[in-house]
Amino acid sequence: MTTRRPAPTARPAAPTAHAAAPTARPVLLVVAHGSRDPRHAATVHALVRRAAVMRPGLRVETAFLDFNVPSVPAVLDRLATEGVRDVVALPLLLTRAFHAKADIPAVLRQAPPTLNIRQAEVLGPSPLLLSALERRLYEAGPAPGMKPSTGVVLASAGSTDPAAAVLTRGTPPGPPAGSPAGPVPGTPQWRHAVARMKRSTGVVLASAGSTDPEANAAIAETARELRRAGWCAVRPAFASASLPRTEDAVRALRAEGVRRVAVAPYVIAPGRLPDRIAAGAAEADVLAGVLGPAPELARLLLERYDGARAAGRVLAAAV
């Protein structure tokens, strides 16, 4: 009797040297400056949460250079311990000043050697920032039916409200964006209302201020972009380091014949300098909120993340 041997069971082919496991997306590490003011961290976290919701599956972490926890080294150590290999570090800054050029690169270079770290570009300049500014101006500005007589000071050292809500003086604010009383941002009615504001609004774009010429040049260029976007007049102003101050810009608009002046902070989160700007807006009619967790700002975080991934420049390489 002949015994039949069972046919050999097929085994999966062994992986070749060229086969590789799928590579996980780099972790997005948002690096904020930090502040003793608790409103600052609360606003940063709200913005980061909004960006994470916009990109499901992307791991997003937050760290601070100073004053708040977790620190950048603490987060990097934790990521390395968890086995993370790739990180995109995004400076939560509007201009390339000292923190972006020196502080952040220095702390990233001290990261654990198992991490590959790419530093993304700062947020400004970007059309998305201009859109966020116009959103805050509309939220704080006159109601759509109000006669055009408004001058606006865009002060980039911000409102005192962590949620970027509106504080007004002298005249009730327009309807909140998206409310039943006013057009929804992005709709034709909203664009028409904003265009009407622009034709009668003088804008002073004021930053937190810097001794770095590149940072100040970026503010000047953003002011020119606002002018090209249709605002009738645009002036830069600064909360520190450079001149003019917010109050001087408000008075200059008054001297030019602007009857109604609004101050719109060009900063991300509340803190000491934003409070200084708010105080300087005492003679203005309207004070808008900080950029905060505006959807345009959240989209910009993801845009800078994608740009850093595509560029492929590694600041700190794993060994």
Protein backbone atom coordinates (compact mmCIF):
# COMPACT_ATOMS: atom_id res chain seq x y z
CA MET A 1 0.00 0.00 0.00
CA THR A 2 1.32 3.33 -0.99
CA THR A 3 1.21 6.07 1.57
CA ARG A 4 0.50 9.51 0.15
CA ARG A 5 2.29 12.41 1.73
CA PRO A 6 0.23 15.54 2.23
CA ALA A 7 1.06 18.39 -0.10
CA PRO A 8 3.32 20.94 1.59
CA THR A 9 1.51 23.92 3.01
CA ALA A 10 2.42 27.16 1.29
CA ARG A 11 4.23 29.59 3.58
CA PRO A 12 4.15 33.33 3.17
CA ALA A 13 7.20 34.66 1.42
CA ALA A 14 9.81 36.13 3.71
CA PRO A 15 10.11 39.88 3.42
CA THR A 16 12.91 41.08 1.20
CA ALA A 17 15.46 43.68 2.18
CA HIS A 18 13.47 46.24 0.19
CA ALA A 19 10.21 45.65 2.03
CA ALA A 20 9.42 48.15 4.75
CA ALA A 21 6.63 48.66 7.24
CA PRO A 22 4.39 51.66 6.66
CA THR A 23 5.89 54.80 8.16
CA ALA A 24 3.75 56.63 10.69
CA ARG A 25 3.14 60.33 10.19
CA PRO A 26 5.48 62.56 12.18
CA VAL A 27 4.12 63.92 15.43
CA LEU A 28 3.22 67.61 15.26
CA LEU A 29 4.76 69.43 18.23
CA VAL A 30 3.42 72.97 18.59
CA VAL A 31 5.94 75.11 20.47
CA ALA A 32 4.43 78.17 22.16
CA HIS A 33 6.29 80.89 24.03
CA GLY A 34 4.41 80.59 27.31
CA SER A 35 3.23 83.20 29.79
CA ARG A 36 2.53 83.68 33.48
CA ASP A 37 -0.98 84.65 32.39
CA PRO A 38 -3.13 81.48 32.51
CA ARG A 39 -5.24 82.76 29.62
CA HIS A 40 -2.26 82.29 27.30
CA ALA A 41 -1.96 78.52 27.77
CA ALA A 42 -5.73 78.08 27.65
CA THR A 43 -5.88 79.80 24.26
CA VAL A 44 -2.93 77.83 22.89
CA HIS A 45 -4.51 74.53 23.91
CA ALA A 46 -7.83 75.54 22.31
CA LEU A 47 -6.07 76.32 19.04
CA VAL A 48 -4.11 73.05 19.05
CA ARG A 49 -7.26 71.05 19.77
CA ARG A 50 -8.98 72.67 16.81
CA ALA A 51 -6.08 71.77 14.50
CA ALA A 52 -6.13 68.16 15.74
CA VAL A 53 -9.85 67.86 14.97
CA MET A 54 -9.16 69.07 11.42
CA ARG A 55 -6.64 66.26 10.83
CA PRO A 56 -7.98 62.99 12.32
CA GLY A 57 -5.25 60.49 13.10
CA LEU A 58 -2.51 63.09 13.44
CA ARG A 59 -0.89 63.12 16.85
CA VAL A 60 -0.52 66.70 18.05
CA GLU A 61 1.43 67.73 21.16
CA THR A 62 1.92 71.12 22.82
CA ALA A 63 5.00 72.41 24.63
CA PHE A 64 6.18 75.76 25.97
CA LEU A 65 9.52 77.55 25.95
CA ASP A 66 8.96 79.20 29.32
CA PHE A 67 6.52 79.73 32.21
CA ASN A 68 4.16 76.84 31.36
CA VAL A 69 4.32 73.05 31.34
CA PRO A 70 5.06 70.79 29.66
CA SER A 71 8.42 72.11 28.53
CA VAL A 72 9.85 71.29 25.12
CA PRO A 73 12.58 68.96 26.52
CA ALA A 74 10.00 67.11 28.64
CA VAL A 75 7.76 66.39 25.65
CA LEU A 76 10.68 65.35 23.44
CA ASP A 77 11.96 62.96 26.12
CA ARG A 78 8.51 61.42 26.46
CA LEU A 79 8.12 60.97 22.71
CA ALA A 80 11.52 59.28 22.49
CA THR A 81 10.64 56.97 25.38
CA GLU A 82 7.43 55.97 23.56
CA GLY A 83 9.42 55.02 20.47
CA VAL A 84 8.46 57.98 18.28
CA ARG A 85 11.02 58.62 15.56
CA ASP A 86 9.81 61.64 13.57
CA VAL A 87 8.67 65.02 14.88
CA VAL A 88 7.73 68.29 13.17
CA ALA A 89 8.28 71.18 15.61
CA LEU A 90 6.10 74.17 14.75
CA PRO A 91 6.90 77.56 16.35
CA LEU A 92 3.63 79.20 17.34
CA LEU A 93 4.95 82.59 16.27
CA LEU A 94 3.78 85.15 13.73
CA THR A 95 7.25 86.37 12.70
CA ARG A 96 10.82 85.06 12.50
CA ALA A 97 12.35 86.85 15.46
CA PHE A 98 14.82 85.68 18.13
CA HIS A 99 12.71 82.80 19.46
CA ALA A 100 12.33 81.23 16.02
CA LYS A 101 15.94 81.81 14.99
CA ALA A 102 17.76 80.96 18.23
CA ASP A 103 15.73 79.70 21.20
CA ILE A 104 13.71 77.01 19.49
CA PRO A 105 16.53 75.56 17.33
CA ALA A 106 18.78 75.44 20.40
CA VAL A 107 16.31 73.45 22.50
CA LEU A 108 15.49 71.11 19.61
CA ARG A 109 19.16 70.27 19.10
CA GLN A 110 19.25 68.96 22.66
CA ALA A 111 16.56 66.38 21.88
CA PRO A 112 17.18 62.65 22.43
CA PRO A 113 19.35 61.27 19.62
CA THR A 114 16.67 58.80 18.51
CA LEU A 115 14.43 61.59 17.20
CA ASN A 116 14.38 63.04 13.69
CA ILE A 117 13.16 66.62 14.12
CA ARG A 118 12.12 69.09 11.44
CA GLN A 119 11.42 72.70 12.37
CA ALA A 120 8.48 74.19 10.47
CA GLU A 121 8.29 77.79 9.34
CA VAL A 122 6.65 80.40 11.54
CA LEU A 123 3.02 81.23 10.80
CA GLY A 124 3.48 84.56 9.06
CA PRO A 125 3.15 85.84 6.50
CA SER A 126 0.14 83.98 5.14
CA PRO A 127 -3.18 84.80 3.46
CA LEU A 128 -4.81 82.69 6.18
CA LEU A 129 -3.63 85.20 8.80
CA LEU A 130 -5.21 88.01 6.83
CA SER A 131 -8.45 86.02 6.71
CA ALA A 132 -8.32 85.45 10.48
CA LEU A 133 -7.79 89.16 11.04
CA GLU A 134 -10.76 90.01 8.87
CA ARG A 135 -12.88 87.47 10.76
CA ARG A 136 -12.05 89.14 14.09
CA LEU A 137 -12.65 92.59 12.62
CA TYR A 138 -16.04 91.57 11.33
CA GLU A 139 -16.98 89.96 14.65
CA ALA A 140 -16.04 93.14 16.50
CA GLY A 141 -17.09 95.68 13.91
CA PRO A 142 -20.29 97.55 13.19
CA ALA A 143 -23.45 95.70 12.28
CA PRO A 144 -23.90 95.17 8.53
CA GLY A 145 -26.58 97.85 8.32
CA MET A 146 -24.54 100.53 10.10
CA LYS A 147 -23.39 103.53 8.07
CA PRO A 148 -19.70 103.26 7.07
CA SER A 149 -17.62 105.54 9.28
CA THR A 150 -15.13 103.21 10.90
CA GLY A 151 -11.36 103.33 11.22
CA VAL A 152 -9.62 100.23 12.57
CA VAL A 153 -6.38 99.77 14.48
CA LEU A 154 -5.10 96.20 14.18
CA ALA A 155 -2.99 95.82 17.30
CA SER A 156 -0.91 92.68 17.31
CA ALA A 157 -0.49 92.42 21.03
CA GLY A 158 -3.99 91.50 21.74
CA SER A 159 -7.17 91.48 23.66
CA THR A 160 -7.47 90.37 27.27
CA ASP A 161 -9.95 87.63 26.42
CA PRO A 162 -8.56 84.05 26.15
CA ALA A 163 -11.33 82.87 23.89
CA ALA A 164 -10.74 85.80 21.53
CA ALA A 165 -14.15 87.25 22.33
CA VAL A 166 -14.93 90.83 21.50
CA LEU A 167 -14.56 93.80 23.83
CA THR A 168 -16.07 97.03 22.53
CA ARG A 169 -16.17 100.63 23.66
CA GLY A 170 -18.62 103.33 22.74
CA THR A 171 -20.78 101.35 20.28
CA PRO A 172 -22.39 97.94 20.48
CA PRO A 173 -20.54 95.32 18.44
CA GLY A 174 -21.87 93.73 15.30
CA PRO A 175 -23.46 90.29 15.50
CA PRO A 176 -21.14 87.39 16.28
CA ALA A 177 -20.00 85.52 13.21
CA GLY A 178 -22.51 82.84 12.27
CA SER A 179 -25.27 84.14 14.52
CA PRO A 180 -28.83 84.45 13.20
CA ALA A 181 -28.45 88.27 13.28
CA GLY A 182 -25.49 88.38 10.89
CA PRO A 183 -24.00 86.68 7.84
CA VAL A 184 -22.05 83.47 8.26
CA PRO A 185 -18.30 83.89 7.57
CA GLY A 186 -17.41 82.78 4.06
CA THR A 187 -20.86 83.38 2.58
CA PRO A 188 -21.51 86.05 -0.10
CA GLN A 189 -23.41 88.14 2.48
CA TRP A 190 -20.42 88.00 4.83
CA ARG A 191 -17.99 89.00 2.08
CA HIS A 192 -20.24 91.90 1.15
CA ALA A 193 -20.37 93.11 4.76
CA VAL A 194 -16.58 92.88 5.10
CA ALA A 195 -16.09 94.73 1.81
CA ARG A 196 -18.33 97.52 3.08
CA MET A 197 -16.24 97.76 6.26
CA LYS A 198 -13.01 97.86 4.27
CA ARG A 199 -14.04 100.83 2.17
CA SER A 200 -14.48 102.98 5.26
CA THR A 201 -11.93 101.49 7.64
CA GLY A 202 -8.41 102.58 8.44
CA VAL A 203 -6.24 99.79 9.84
CA VAL A 204 -3.21 99.99 12.09
CA LEU A 205 -1.51 96.59 12.21
CA ALA A 206 0.42 96.47 15.47
CA SER A 207 2.65 93.60 16.47
CA ALA A 208 4.04 92.70 19.87
CA GLY A 209 7.23 94.42 18.74
CA SER A 210 10.75 93.21 18.14
CA THR A 211 14.31 94.45 17.78
CA ASP A 212 14.74 92.06 14.85
CA PRO A 213 14.57 93.93 11.52
CA GLU A 214 13.25 90.85 9.73
CA ALA A 215 10.32 90.58 12.12
CA ASN A 216 9.44 94.26 11.76
CA ALA A 217 9.73 94.00 7.96
CA ALA A 218 7.24 91.12 8.06
CA ILE A 219 4.74 93.28 9.95
CA ALA A 220 5.19 96.06 7.40
CA GLU A 221 4.58 93.61 4.56
CA THR A 222 1.45 92.27 6.27
CA ALA A 223 0.21 95.85 6.59
CA ARG A 224 0.76 96.36 2.85
CA GLU A 225 -1.14 93.13 2.14
CA LEU A 226 -4.08 94.41 4.18
CA ARG A 227 -4.02 97.64 2.19
CA ARG A 228 -4.02 95.68 -1.07
CA ALA A 229 -6.93 93.63 0.29
CA GLY A 230 -9.09 96.74 0.16
CA TRP A 231 -8.80 98.48 3.54
CA CYS A 232 -8.79 102.23 2.96
CA ALA A 233 -5.66 102.89 5.08
CA VAL A 234 -3.21 100.70 6.97
CA ARG A 235 -0.61 101.61 9.60
CA PRO A 236 1.77 99.34 11.55
CA ALA A 237 2.09 99.73 15.35
CA PHE A 238 3.96 97.92 18.14
CA ALA A 239 3.43 97.03 21.79
CA SER A 240 7.16 97.12 22.61
CA ALA A 241 10.66 97.59 21.15
CA SER A 242 9.49 99.75 18.21
CA LEU A 243 7.19 102.67 17.53
CA PRO A 244 4.44 103.79 17.15
CA ARG A 245 2.32 102.47 20.02
CA THR A 246 -1.35 101.57 19.66
CA GLU A 247 -2.58 104.79 21.25
CA ASP A 248 -0.45 106.84 18.86
CA ALA A 249 -1.89 104.98 15.88
CA VAL A 250 -5.44 105.55 17.13
CA ARG A 251 -4.76 109.28 17.49
CA ALA A 252 -3.15 109.42 14.06
CA LEU A 253 -6.29 107.97 12.50
CA ARG A 254 -8.39 110.49 14.40
CA ALA A 255 -6.15 113.29 13.09
CA GLU A 256 -6.71 112.01 9.54
CA GLY A 257 -10.44 112.45 10.01
CA VAL A 258 -11.45 108.87 10.80
CA ARG A 259 -14.54 109.17 12.96
CA ARG A 260 -14.69 105.62 14.32
CA VAL A 261 -11.64 103.53 15.21
CA ALA A 262 -11.42 99.83 16.05
CA VAL A 263 -8.43 98.02 17.52
CA ALA A 264 -7.95 94.44 16.35
CA PRO A 265 -5.05 92.61 18.06
CA TYR A 266 -2.61 90.78 15.79
CA VAL A 267 -1.47 88.24 18.37
CA ILE A 268 -2.34 84.62 18.99
CA ALA A 269 -3.04 84.56 22.73
CA PRO A 270 -3.53 86.91 25.69
CA GLY A 271 -0.71 88.00 27.99
CA ARG A 272 1.26 91.01 29.21
CA LEU A 273 1.81 92.65 25.82
CA PRO A 274 -1.74 92.05 24.65
CA ASP A 275 -2.96 93.76 27.83
CA ARG A 276 -0.67 96.69 27.02
CA ILE A 277 -2.26 96.99 23.61
CA ALA A 278 -5.74 96.80 25.11
CA ALA A 279 -4.84 99.65 27.45
CA GLY A 280 -3.55 101.64 24.51
CA ALA A 281 -6.91 101.23 22.79
CA ALA A 282 -8.69 103.32 25.43
CA GLU A 283 -9.60 106.02 22.90
CA ALA A 284 -10.79 103.55 20.27
CA ASP A 285 -14.41 102.67 19.67
CA VAL A 286 -14.00 98.90 19.27
CA LEU A 287 -11.47 96.36 20.51
CA ALA A 288 -11.56 93.01 18.71
CA GLY A 289 -10.34 89.71 20.08
CA VAL A 290 -6.97 88.03 19.64
CA LEU A 291 -6.59 85.56 16.78
CA GLY A 292 -6.93 82.68 19.23
CA PRO A 293 -8.42 79.42 17.93
CA ALA A 294 -9.68 80.93 14.68
CA PRO A 295 -10.29 78.19 12.09
CA GLU A 296 -7.93 79.92 9.66
CA LEU A 297 -5.14 79.76 12.23
CA ALA A 298 -5.78 76.07 12.87
CA ARG A 299 -5.59 75.41 9.12
CA LEU A 300 -2.33 77.34 8.98
CA LEU A 301 -0.78 75.07 11.62
CA LEU A 302 -1.52 72.08 9.41
CA GLU A 303 -0.25 73.89 6.32
CA ARG A 304 3.09 74.58 8.01
CA TYR A 305 3.24 70.96 9.19
CA ASP A 306 2.74 69.69 5.65
CA GLY A 307 5.35 72.10 4.34
CA ALA A 308 7.95 70.90 6.83
CA ARG A 309 7.28 67.26 5.92
CA ALA A 310 7.67 68.00 2.21
CA ALA A 311 10.84 70.03 2.68
CA GLY A 312 12.61 67.13 4.37
CA ARG A 313 15.20 69.26 6.14
CA VAL A 314 16.10 67.61 9.43
CA LEU A 315 17.24 69.88 12.24
CA ALA A 316 18.11 67.09 14.67
CA ALA A 317 18.72 63.65 13.19
CA ALA A 318 18.45 60.31 14.92
CA VAL A 319 21.60 58.24 15.28
